Protein backbone atom coordinates (compact mmCIF):
# COMPACT_ATOMS: atom_id res chain seq x y z
CA MET A 1 0.00 0.00 0.00
CA GLN A 2 2.97 2.33 0.48
CA TYR A 3 3.46 2.47 -3.29
CA ILE A 4 -0.18 3.40 -3.82
CA LYS A 5 0.29 6.36 -1.46
CA LEU A 6 3.47 7.35 -3.32
CA ILE A 7 1.59 7.30 -6.60
CA SER A 8 -1.09 9.56 -5.15
CA SER A 9 1.52 12.18 -4.32
CA ILE A 10 3.02 12.25 -7.82
CA ALA A 11 0.07 11.36 -10.11
CA ARG A 12 -0.50 14.99 -11.05
CA ASN A 13 2.84 14.85 -12.93
CA PHE A 14 1.63 12.12 -15.30
CA ASP A 15 -0.85 11.83 -18.15
CA ALA A 16 -1.89 8.26 -17.26
CA ILE A 17 -1.32 5.41 -14.83
CA VAL A 18 -0.44 2.03 -16.37
CA VAL A 19 -0.61 -1.35 -14.63
CA SER A 20 0.99 -4.31 -16.39
CA GLY A 21 -0.81 -7.06 -14.55
CA ASP A 22 -0.47 -9.16 -11.42
CA PHE A 23 -2.36 -6.62 -9.37
CA GLU A 24 -4.32 -9.53 -7.79
CA ASN A 25 -6.74 -7.11 -6.14
CA PRO A 26 -8.87 -5.30 -8.74
CA GLU A 27 -9.80 -2.62 -6.21
CA VAL A 28 -6.31 -1.14 -6.59
CA LEU A 29 -7.32 0.08 -10.05
CA ASP A 30 -10.32 1.87 -8.60
CA VAL A 31 -8.08 3.51 -5.99
CA LEU A 32 -5.63 4.60 -8.70
CA SER A 33 -8.48 6.02 -10.78
CA ASN A 34 -9.27 8.42 -7.92
CA TYR A 35 -5.99 10.27 -8.57
CA GLY A 36 -7.41 12.22 -11.48
CA ARG A 37 -5.59 10.40 -14.26
CA PRO A 38 -6.85 7.69 -16.61
CA VAL A 39 -5.83 4.17 -15.60
CA TYR A 40 -4.98 1.51 -18.18
CA ALA A 41 -4.16 -2.13 -17.52
CA VAL A 42 -3.47 -5.55 -18.92
CA VAL A 43 -4.11 -8.66 -16.85
CA GLY A 44 -1.33 -10.87 -15.56
CA ASN A 45 -0.94 -14.57 -14.96
CA MET A 46 -1.17 -14.15 -11.16
CA ASP A 47 -4.45 -12.26 -11.28
CA PRO A 48 -7.37 -14.23 -9.86
CA TYR A 49 -9.88 -16.07 -11.99
CA GLY A 50 -12.66 -13.82 -13.23
CA ILE A 51 -10.68 -10.62 -12.82
CA ARG A 52 -11.04 -9.65 -16.48
CA SER A 53 -14.74 -8.93 -16.10
CA ARG A 54 -14.13 -6.95 -12.89
CA VAL A 55 -11.53 -4.64 -14.48
CA GLN A 56 -12.93 -4.41 -18.02
CA LYS A 57 -13.20 -0.62 -17.96
CA TYR A 58 -9.42 -0.32 -17.49
CA LEU A 59 -8.25 -2.95 -19.99
CA ILE A 60 -6.40 -1.89 -23.13
CA GLU A 61 -5.54 -5.35 -24.45
CA GLY A 62 -5.95 -5.24 -28.22
CA ARG A 63 -6.60 -1.50 -28.21
CA VAL A 64 -4.69 1.69 -28.97
CA VAL A 65 -5.33 4.68 -26.72
CA PRO A 66 -3.94 8.19 -27.32
CA VAL A 67 -2.22 9.70 -24.28
CA GLY A 68 -0.81 13.16 -24.89
CA SER A 69 1.39 12.94 -27.98
CA PHE A 70 1.90 9.18 -27.50
CA TYR A 71 -0.15 6.04 -27.94
CA LEU A 72 -0.59 3.17 -25.50
CA ALA A 73 -1.20 -0.22 -27.08
CA GLY A 74 -2.22 -3.20 -24.99
CA TYR A 75 -0.79 -6.60 -25.81
CA PRO A 76 -1.99 -8.85 -27.33
CA ILE A 77 -2.38 -6.70 -30.40
CA THR A 78 -1.58 -7.12 -34.08
CA ALA A 79 1.52 -5.54 -35.58
CA ASP A 80 -0.53 -4.10 -38.45
CA SER A 81 -2.64 -2.03 -36.07
CA ILE A 82 0.38 -0.32 -34.45
CA ARG A 83 3.20 -0.44 -37.00
CA ASP A 84 2.86 3.20 -38.09
CA LEU A 85 3.03 4.53 -34.50
CA GLY A 86 6.72 3.61 -34.02
CA SER A 87 8.47 6.29 -32.02
CA ARG A 88 5.21 7.45 -30.40
CA LEU A 89 4.16 3.95 -29.29
CA ILE A 90 4.24 2.65 -25.73
CA LEU A 91 3.48 -1.07 -25.73
CA VAL A 92 1.92 -2.44 -22.54
CA SER A 93 2.34 -6.17 -21.99
CA HIS A 94 2.24 -8.35 -18.94
CA TYR A 95 4.95 -10.55 -20.43
CA PRO A 96 8.37 -9.04 -21.20
CA PRO A 97 10.10 -9.63 -24.51
CA HIS A 98 12.17 -12.82 -24.47
CA GLY A 99 15.93 -12.50 -24.09
CA THR A 100 16.03 -9.19 -22.24
CA SER A 101 17.29 -8.06 -18.85
CA VAL A 102 13.75 -8.08 -17.45
CA ASP A 103 12.73 -11.63 -18.37
CA ARG A 104 15.18 -13.64 -16.24
CA ALA A 105 13.69 -16.03 -13.72
CA TRP A 106 15.34 -16.75 -10.36
CA ASN A 107 17.45 -19.46 -12.03
CA GLY A 108 18.72 -17.13 -14.77
CA GLU A 109 16.53 -18.63 -17.48
CA HIS A 110 14.88 -16.23 -19.93
CA ILE A 111 11.13 -16.73 -19.55
CA GLY A 112 9.79 -13.80 -21.57
CA SER A 113 7.48 -14.01 -24.52
CA ARG A 114 8.91 -14.74 -27.94
CA SER A 115 5.81 -13.29 -29.60
CA VAL A 116 6.22 -10.01 -27.68
CA ARG A 117 9.87 -10.01 -28.77
CA ARG A 118 8.88 -10.44 -32.43
CA LEU A 119 6.31 -7.66 -32.12
CA VAL A 120 8.86 -5.30 -30.58
CA GLU A 121 11.39 -6.06 -33.31
CA ASP A 122 8.73 -5.54 -35.96
CA VAL A 123 7.08 -2.29 -34.82
CA LYS A 124 9.95 -0.78 -32.76
CA PRO A 125 7.96 0.95 -30.03
CA LEU A 126 9.50 3.75 -28.01
CA VAL A 127 8.98 1.83 -24.77
CA VAL A 128 7.60 -1.50 -23.57
CA LEU A 129 6.00 -1.50 -20.12
CA CYS A 130 5.81 -5.00 -18.72
CA GLY A 131 5.60 -7.07 -15.58
CA HIS A 132 5.51 -10.84 -15.02
CA VAL A 133 9.05 -11.59 -13.81
CA HIS A 134 8.92 -10.34 -10.25
CA GLU A 135 12.56 -11.12 -9.51
CA SER A 136 13.86 -9.37 -12.63
CA ARG A 137 13.11 -5.70 -12.12
CA GLY A 138 14.89 -3.33 -14.41
CA TYR A 139 14.77 -1.46 -17.66
């Protein structure tokens, strides 16, 4: 909860709040939405069964959303629908691209998504926001 309070103190500096899954408690999205910024999310593999219907209004999976002069795209999404956005694209995926510094499991094995990796190589987004590998924080 300490991070939620930190976000409340700095949210005014951002155009949007993005959650890349594994929030486990859908109420956290409602709390974040009270900070006066739009909240966008993708679900994670640790999120409880049935969460998708409870957080539908925040989900951007398969969609492109303009945020300022940038675009958020929620994975899964087709390359054709985001290819032209390139340097203005922020891809949001629960799963990190395979073979990166943020997809290493506790044993050192790369456990990221090969399909996310292919998409990144194809459309070359400005940034990929991802979660999934809790022990591999980084950028």
